[in-house]
């Protein structure tokens, strides 16, 4: 799933690169300073924060309940900054798979998952995720058994979502840090699972 599917929009990543090149050529920004800023940003926001929350929920049932009850408070509990938008965690189970989208623009829990990927902001993903969620999952190589219900959650400026993926089988011997390393950004958006994935995602 990429911006090439959308005939009306130029890819966000391409637009950012184009703007950055123009600013560098004009002498308005220093590439080295920009790289340093990006590195600092990645330390403060990124999917490793959301992964820590997921891993904690796998090993601590009480935290899992707090996360499902008030995800914003659960994020703050682990020391993560949360903007005014309400954060809700939805849990994948043996019978339900959750998928996150923002049909109007590209609202996204960047403070826990990092900058949204280009495909999340693309017209193709935003338009298909609601009407054909299984088709979208198939595009990412994620095949779900027919008896699993797919629920789609539409983010807004006031409401953001994150998916708690199912804990992979055979991970009972792993500690919390090792479990967090298994959690991907895509699994917290819902386009990937950590259990039923059959092919390489695109």
C-alpha atoms as a PDB file:
ATOM      1  CA  UNK A   1       0.000   0.000   0.000  1.00  0.00           C
ATOM      2  CA  UNK A   2       1.700   3.219  -1.104  1.00  0.00           C
ATOM      3  CA  UNK A   3       0.927   6.662  -2.453  1.00  0.00           C
ATOM      4  CA  UNK A   4       1.311   5.403  -6.034  1.00  0.00           C
ATOM      5  CA  UNK A   5      -2.250   4.056  -5.754  1.00  0.00           C
ATOM      6  CA  UNK A   6      -3.602   7.595  -5.368  1.00  0.00           C
ATOM      7  CA  UNK A   7      -3.807   9.558  -8.640  1.00  0.00           C
ATOM      8  CA  UNK A   8      -4.798  12.776  -6.865  1.00  0.00           C
ATOM      9  CA  UNK A   9      -2.017  13.177  -4.308  1.00  0.00           C
ATOM     10  CA  UNK A  10       1.729  13.462  -4.429  1.00  0.00           C
ATOM     11  CA  UNK A  11       3.351  11.187  -1.870  1.00  0.00           C
ATOM     12  CA  UNK A  12       3.831  12.886   1.525  1.00  0.00           C
ATOM     13  CA  UNK A  13       7.359  11.521   1.820  1.00  0.00           C
ATOM     14  CA  UNK A  14       8.239  12.909  -1.606  1.00  0.00           C
ATOM     15  CA  UNK A  15       6.785  16.316  -0.703  1.00  0.00           C
ATOM     16  CA  UNK A  16       8.805  16.410   2.518  1.00  0.00           C
ATOM     17  CA  UNK A  17      12.026  15.510   0.705  1.00  0.00           C
ATOM     18  CA  UNK A  18      11.344  18.150  -1.959  1.00  0.00           C
ATOM     19  CA  UNK A  19      10.739  20.843   0.667  1.00  0.00           C
ATOM     20  CA  UNK A  20      13.823  19.817   2.624  1.00  0.00           C
ATOM     21  CA  UNK A  21      15.998  20.012  -0.522  1.00  0.00           C
ATOM     22  CA  UNK A  22      14.675  23.485  -1.327  1.00  0.00           C
ATOM     23  CA  UNK A  23      15.391  24.732   2.198  1.00  0.00           C
ATOM     24  CA  UNK A  24      18.909  23.281   2.130  1.00  0.00           C
ATOM     25  CA  UNK A  25      19.651  24.843  -1.268  1.00  0.00           C
ATOM     26  CA  UNK A  26      18.404  28.192   0.000  1.00  0.00           C
ATOM     27  CA  UNK A  27      20.705  27.932   3.002  1.00  0.00           C
ATOM     28  CA  UNK A  28      17.787  28.132   5.433  1.00  0.00           C
ATOM     29  CA  UNK A  29      18.512  24.847   7.203  1.00  0.00           C
ATOM     30  CA  UNK A  30      21.654  22.903   8.022  1.00  0.00           C
ATOM     31  CA  UNK A  31      21.368  19.198   7.019  1.00  0.00           C
ATOM     32  CA  UNK A  32      23.531  18.131   9.973  1.00  0.00           C
ATOM     33  CA  UNK A  33      21.332  20.058  12.405  1.00  0.00           C
ATOM     34  CA  UNK A  34      18.235  18.519  10.831  1.00  0.00           C
ATOM     35  CA  UNK A  35      19.673  15.014  11.253  1.00  0.00           C
ATOM     36  CA  UNK A  36      20.426  15.734  14.902  1.00  0.00           C
ATOM     37  CA  UNK A  37      16.886  17.016  15.440  1.00  0.00           C
ATOM     38  CA  UNK A  38      15.406  13.879  13.859  1.00  0.00           C
ATOM     39  CA  UNK A  39      17.547  11.667  16.103  1.00  0.00           C
ATOM     40  CA  UNK A  40      16.386  13.543  19.201  1.00  0.00           C
ATOM     41  CA  UNK A  41      12.778  13.272  18.056  1.00  0.00           C
ATOM     42  CA  UNK A  42      13.086   9.519  17.561  1.00  0.00           C
ATOM     43  CA  UNK A  43      14.309   9.153  21.140  1.00  0.00           C
ATOM     44  CA  UNK A  44      11.230  10.936  22.477  1.00  0.00           C
ATOM     45  CA  UNK A  45       8.527   9.583  20.139  1.00  0.00           C
ATOM     46  CA  UNK A  46       8.384   6.367  18.178  1.00  0.00           C
ATOM     47  CA  UNK A  47       6.955   2.854  18.018  1.00  0.00           C
ATOM     48  CA  UNK A  48       9.293   1.672  20.772  1.00  0.00           C
ATOM     49  CA  UNK A  49       7.086   3.583  23.240  1.00  0.00           C
ATOM     50  CA  UNK A  50       3.887   1.894  22.088  1.00  0.00           C
ATOM     51  CA  UNK A  51       5.733  -1.435  22.065  1.00  0.00           C
ATOM     52  CA  UNK A  52       6.641  -0.968  25.734  1.00  0.00           C
ATOM     53  CA  UNK A  53       2.985  -0.463  26.578  1.00  0.00           C
ATOM     54  CA  UNK A  54       1.983  -3.582  24.665  1.00  0.00           C
ATOM     55  CA  UNK A  55       4.707  -5.703  26.263  1.00  0.00           C
ATOM     56  CA  UNK A  56       3.763  -4.465  29.738  1.00  0.00           C
ATOM     57  CA  UNK A  57       0.135  -5.417  29.064  1.00  0.00           C
ATOM     58  CA  UNK A  58       1.240  -8.930  28.110  1.00  0.00           C
ATOM     59  CA  UNK A  59       3.080  -9.538  31.388  1.00  0.00           C
ATOM     60  CA  UNK A  60       0.999  -7.441  33.783  1.00  0.00           C
ATOM     61  CA  UNK A  61      -2.771  -8.165  33.742  1.00  0.00           C
ATOM     62  CA  UNK A  62      -3.502  -5.202  36.010  1.00  0.00           C
ATOM     63  CA  UNK A  63      -1.708  -2.828  33.623  1.00  0.00           C
ATOM     64  CA  UNK A  64      -3.577  -4.400  30.700  1.00  0.00           C
ATOM     65  CA  UNK A  65      -6.882  -3.550  32.382  1.00  0.00           C
ATOM     66  CA  UNK A  66      -5.747   0.028  32.993  1.00  0.00           C
ATOM     67  CA  UNK A  67      -4.581   0.308  29.378  1.00  0.00           C
ATOM     68  CA  UNK A  68      -7.943  -0.866  28.060  1.00  0.00           C
ATOM     69  CA  UNK A  69      -9.777   1.396  30.492  1.00  0.00           C
ATOM     70  CA  UNK A  70      -7.798   4.603  29.929  1.00  0.00           C
ATOM     71  CA  UNK A  71      -4.917   4.324  27.468  1.00  0.00           C
ATOM     72  CA  UNK A  72      -3.886   7.951  27.923  1.00  0.00           C
ATOM     73  CA  UNK A  73      -3.388   7.437  31.655  1.00  0.00           C
ATOM     74  CA  UNK A  74      -1.612   4.137  31.005  1.00  0.00           C
ATOM     75  CA  UNK A  75       0.827   5.891  28.663  1.00  0.00           C
ATOM     76  CA  UNK A  76       1.526   8.618  31.222  1.00  0.00           C
ATOM     77  CA  UNK A  77       2.063   5.898  33.830  1.00  0.00           C
ATOM     78  CA  UNK A  78       5.091   4.707  31.829  1.00  0.00           C
ATOM     79  CA  UNK A  79       6.410   8.244  31.467  1.00  0.00           C
ATOM     80  CA  UNK A  80       5.178   9.051  27.953  1.00  0.00           C
ATOM     81  CA  UNK A  81       3.808  12.461  27.035  1.00  0.00           C
ATOM     82  CA  UNK A  82       0.257  12.421  25.699  1.00  0.00           C
ATOM     83  CA  UNK A  83      -1.376  15.353  23.858  1.00  0.00           C
ATOM     84  CA  UNK A  84      -4.926  16.464  24.469  1.00  0.00           C
ATOM     85  CA  UNK A  85      -6.387  13.903  22.040  1.00  0.00           C
ATOM     86  CA  UNK A  86      -7.910  10.934  23.872  1.00  0.00           C
ATOM     87  CA  UNK A  87      -6.103   7.642  23.314  1.00  0.00           C
ATOM     88  CA  UNK A  88      -8.038   4.369  23.261  1.00  0.00           C
ATOM     89  CA  UNK A  89      -6.438   0.920  23.129  1.00  0.00           C
ATOM     90  CA  UNK A  90      -8.301  -1.874  21.349  1.00  0.00           C
ATOM     91  CA  UNK A  91      -7.253  -5.475  21.874  1.00  0.00           C
ATOM     92  CA  UNK A  92      -6.857  -8.218  19.300  1.00  0.00           C
ATOM     93  CA  UNK A  93      -8.190 -11.561  20.504  1.00  0.00           C
ATOM     94  CA  UNK A  94      -8.685 -15.029  19.079  1.00  0.00           C
ATOM     95  CA  UNK A  95     -11.988 -13.831  17.631  1.00  0.00           C
ATOM     96  CA  UNK A  96     -11.451 -10.127  16.843  1.00  0.00           C
ATOM     97  CA  UNK A  97      -8.845  -8.255  14.813  1.00  0.00           C
ATOM     98  CA  UNK A  98      -8.688  -4.433  14.940  1.00  0.00           C
ATOM     99  CA  UNK A  99      -7.596  -2.047  12.191  1.00  0.00           C
ATOM    100  CA  UNK A 100      -6.918   1.686  12.601  1.00  0.00           C
ATOM    101  CA  UNK A 101      -7.523   4.342   9.950  1.00  0.00           C
ATOM    102  CA  UNK A 102      -8.256   8.057   9.671  1.00  0.00           C
ATOM    103  CA  UNK A 103     -10.670   8.511   6.791  1.00  0.00           C
ATOM    104  CA  UNK A 104     -10.684  12.326   6.850  1.00  0.00           C
ATOM    105  CA  UNK A 105      -6.955  13.056   7.049  1.00  0.00           C
ATOM    106  CA  UNK A 106      -4.179  11.204   8.860  1.00  0.00           C
ATOM    107  CA  UNK A 107      -4.790  11.517  12.601  1.00  0.00           C
ATOM    108  CA  UNK A 108      -2.439   9.091  14.300  1.00  0.00           C
ATOM    109  CA  UNK A 109      -0.927   8.473  17.775  1.00  0.00           C
ATOM    110  CA  UNK A 110       2.483   9.794  16.679  1.00  0.00           C
ATOM    111  CA  UNK A 111       3.552  10.332  20.291  1.00  0.00           C
ATOM    112  CA  UNK A 112       3.597   6.541  20.741  1.00  0.00           C
ATOM    113  CA  UNK A 113       4.078   5.182  17.224  1.00  0.00           C
ATOM    114  CA  UNK A 114       6.271   7.850  15.626  1.00  0.00           C
ATOM    115  CA  UNK A 115       5.504   9.693  12.368  1.00  0.00           C
ATOM    116  CA  UNK A 116       2.728   8.013  10.363  1.00  0.00           C
ATOM    117  CA  UNK A 117       3.939   5.995   7.368  1.00  0.00           C
ATOM    118  CA  UNK A 118       3.169   7.265   3.877  1.00  0.00           C
ATOM    119  CA  UNK A 119       0.684   4.481   3.198  1.00  0.00           C
ATOM    120  CA  UNK A 120      -1.385   5.442   6.272  1.00  0.00           C
ATOM    121  CA  UNK A 121      -1.860   8.943   4.836  1.00  0.00           C
ATOM    122  CA  UNK A 122      -2.554   7.742   1.287  1.00  0.00           C
ATOM    123  CA  UNK A 123      -5.990   8.066  -0.276  1.00  0.00           C
ATOM    124  CA  UNK A 124      -5.926   4.366  -1.176  1.00  0.00           C
ATOM    125  CA  UNK A 125      -5.594   3.221   2.435  1.00  0.00           C
ATOM    126  CA  UNK A 126      -8.008   5.789   3.866  1.00  0.00           C
ATOM    127  CA  UNK A 127     -10.716   4.940   1.350  1.00  0.00           C
ATOM    128  CA  UNK A 128     -10.370   1.147   1.359  1.00  0.00           C
ATOM    129  CA  UNK A 129      -9.787   0.406   5.041  1.00  0.00           C
ATOM    130  CA  UNK A 130     -13.451   0.958   5.908  1.00  0.00           C
ATOM    131  CA  UNK A 131     -15.124  -0.614   2.866  1.00  0.00           C
ATOM    132  CA  UNK A 132     -12.682  -3.492   2.290  1.00  0.00           C
ATOM    133  CA  UNK A 133     -10.601  -4.087   5.427  1.00  0.00           C
ATOM    134  CA  UNK A 134      -9.816  -7.706   4.580  1.00  0.00           C
ATOM    135  CA  UNK A 135      -8.614  -6.626   1.150  1.00  0.00           C
ATOM    136  CA  UNK A 136      -6.303  -4.067   2.766  1.00  0.00           C
ATOM    137  CA  UNK A 137      -4.965  -6.688   5.168  1.00  0.00           C
ATOM    138  CA  UNK A 138      -4.384  -9.017   2.227  1.00  0.00           C
ATOM    139  CA  UNK A 139      -2.361  -6.272   0.498  1.00  0.00           C
ATOM    140  CA  UNK A 140      -0.081  -6.245   3.546  1.00  0.00           C
ATOM    141  CA  UNK A 141       0.244 -10.019   3.444  1.00  0.00           C
ATOM    142  CA  UNK A 142      -1.947 -10.553   6.495  1.00  0.00           C
ATOM    143  CA  UNK A 143      -4.376 -13.443   6.102  1.00  0.00           C
ATOM    144  CA  UNK A 144      -6.981 -13.919   8.828  1.00  0.00           C
ATOM    145  CA  UNK A 145      -9.170 -16.988   9.290  1.00  0.00           C
ATOM    146  CA  UNK A 146     -12.725 -16.349   8.083  1.00  0.00           C
ATOM    147  CA  UNK A 147     -14.159 -16.705  11.577  1.00  0.00           C
ATOM    148  CA  UNK A 148     -12.201 -13.708  12.908  1.00  0.00           C
ATOM    149  CA  UNK A 149     -14.206 -10.470  13.007  1.00  0.00           C
ATOM    150  CA  UNK A 150     -12.437  -7.382  11.647  1.00  0.00           C
ATOM    151  CA  UNK A 151     -13.288  -4.120  13.414  1.00  0.00           C
ATOM    152  CA  UNK A 152     -12.227  -0.782  11.905  1.00  0.00           C
ATOM    153  CA  UNK A 153     -11.636   2.255  14.119  1.00  0.00           C
ATOM    154  CA  UNK A 154     -11.689   5.729  12.559  1.00  0.00           C
ATOM    155  CA  UNK A 155      -9.352   8.205  14.264  1.00  0.00           C
ATOM    156  CA  UNK A 156     -10.144  11.907  14.637  1.00  0.00           C
ATOM    157  CA  UNK A 157      -8.373  14.991  15.939  1.00  0.00           C
ATOM    158  CA  UNK A 158      -9.958  14.312  19.364  1.00  0.00           C
ATOM    159  CA  UNK A 159      -9.701  10.516  19.398  1.00  0.00           C
ATOM    160  CA  UNK A 160      -6.710   8.303  18.570  1.00  0.00           C
ATOM    161  CA  UNK A 161      -6.434   4.525  18.694  1.00  0.00           C
ATOM    162  CA  UNK A 162      -3.730   1.909  19.071  1.00  0.00           C
ATOM    163  CA  UNK A 163      -4.010  -1.855  18.713  1.00  0.00           C
ATOM    164  CA  UNK A 164      -2.787  -4.280  21.346  1.00  0.00           C
ATOM    165  CA  UNK A 165      -1.750  -7.270  19.213  1.00  0.00           C
ATOM    166  CA  UNK A 166      -2.026 -10.794  20.518  1.00  0.00           C
ATOM    167  CA  UNK A 167       1.056 -12.093  22.252  1.00  0.00           C
ATOM    168  CA  UNK A 168       2.843 -14.544  19.933  1.00  0.00           C
ATOM    169  CA  UNK A 169       2.860 -18.190  20.948  1.00  0.00           C
ATOM    170  CA  UNK A 170       6.073 -19.586  22.351  1.00  0.00           C
ATOM    171  CA  UNK A 171       7.191 -16.341  24.009  1.00  0.00           C
ATOM    172  CA  UNK A 172       6.615 -17.402  27.600  1.00  0.00           C
ATOM    173  CA  UNK A 173      10.364 -17.422  28.268  1.00  0.00           C
ATOM    174  CA  UNK A 174      10.908 -13.830  27.101  1.00  0.00           C
ATOM    175  CA  UNK A 175      11.152 -10.886  29.466  1.00  0.00           C
ATOM    176  CA  UNK A 176       9.335  -7.595  28.983  1.00  0.00           C
ATOM    177  CA  UNK A 177      12.157  -5.937  27.059  1.00  0.00           C
ATOM    178  CA  UNK A 178      12.475  -8.903  24.712  1.00  0.00           C
ATOM    179  CA  UNK A 179       8.727  -8.932  24.155  1.00  0.00           C
ATOM    180  CA  UNK A 180       8.716  -5.226  23.307  1.00  0.00           C
ATOM    181  CA  UNK A 181      11.289  -5.912  20.580  1.00  0.00           C
ATOM    182  CA  UNK A 182       8.745  -8.194  18.871  1.00  0.00           C
ATOM    183  CA  UNK A 183       6.063  -5.510  18.627  1.00  0.00           C
ATOM    184  CA  UNK A 184       5.984  -3.585  15.349  1.00  0.00           C
ATOM    185  CA  UNK A 185       4.412  -0.272  14.431  1.00  0.00           C
ATOM    186  CA  UNK A 186       2.284  -2.030  11.816  1.00  0.00           C
ATOM    187  CA  UNK A 187       0.917  -4.482  14.396  1.00  0.00           C
ATOM    188  CA  UNK A 188      -0.160  -1.531  16.565  1.00  0.00           C
ATOM    189  CA  UNK A 189      -2.003  -0.045  13.562  1.00  0.00           C
ATOM    190  CA  UNK A 190      -3.485  -3.442  12.761  1.00  0.00           C
ATOM    191  CA  UNK A 191      -2.235  -4.097   9.232  1.00  0.00           C
ATOM    192  CA  UNK A 192       0.060  -6.799  10.596  1.00  0.00           C
ATOM    193  CA  UNK A 193      -0.463  -9.464  13.215  1.00  0.00           C
ATOM    194  CA  UNK A 194       2.091 -11.313  15.265  1.00  0.00           C
ATOM    195  CA  UNK A 195       0.240 -14.597  14.870  1.00  0.00           C
ATOM    196  CA  UNK A 196      -1.668 -14.998  11.599  1.00  0.00           C
ATOM    197  CA  UNK A 197       0.777 -13.306   9.248  1.00  0.00           C
ATOM    198  CA  UNK A 198       1.420 -15.561   6.266  1.00  0.00           C
ATOM    199  CA  UNK A 199       3.401 -13.479   3.757  1.00  0.00           C
ATOM    200  CA  UNK A 200       5.923 -10.657   3.740  1.00  0.00           C
ATOM    201  CA  UNK A 201       4.178  -7.279   4.201  1.00  0.00           C
ATOM    202  CA  UNK A 202       4.536  -4.646   1.527  1.00  0.00           C
END
